[in-house]
Amino acid sequence: MKMLTLFLLFYSLLGVGCSSHSSKTQVALPKITIDLDHLPSLTYKDLFCATELIPLETTDNHLLGIVYPLLTEEYIFMRDNTQQQASCFNKEGKLLFNIANQGSTPHQYKEFL
């Protein structure tokens, strides 16, 4: 009896969940025409107000491969997918520490995203 009740409940939920309420009304979207031949040219100075070059400290034991930077107010983090580690630099470019211990215990990381 329980199986029959569960089957009927599942079947009624499936029937209600799969019913379609299609709307026949269509929304007219505006058409935007862009003239690619007459676009204004943008320069680097139009996009950024200032740039700063910060040479990062490297050694023979610590070279960066393909990196993904993350900048904060105080630090520069470089995620290196080649070596599966992240490096932390200060704003002057001095290497502070590496995060390179993969695992599931404290002071280790699980995975890089």
Foldseek 3Di string as FASTA:
>chain_A
DVVVVVVVVVVVVVVVVPDDDDDPDDDDDDDDDDDPVDDDDDDPVNVDVDDDDAAADADPVGDADDWDWDDDPFWIWTQGPVLRKIWIAGPNRYTDDIQRADDDDPSHHPHDD
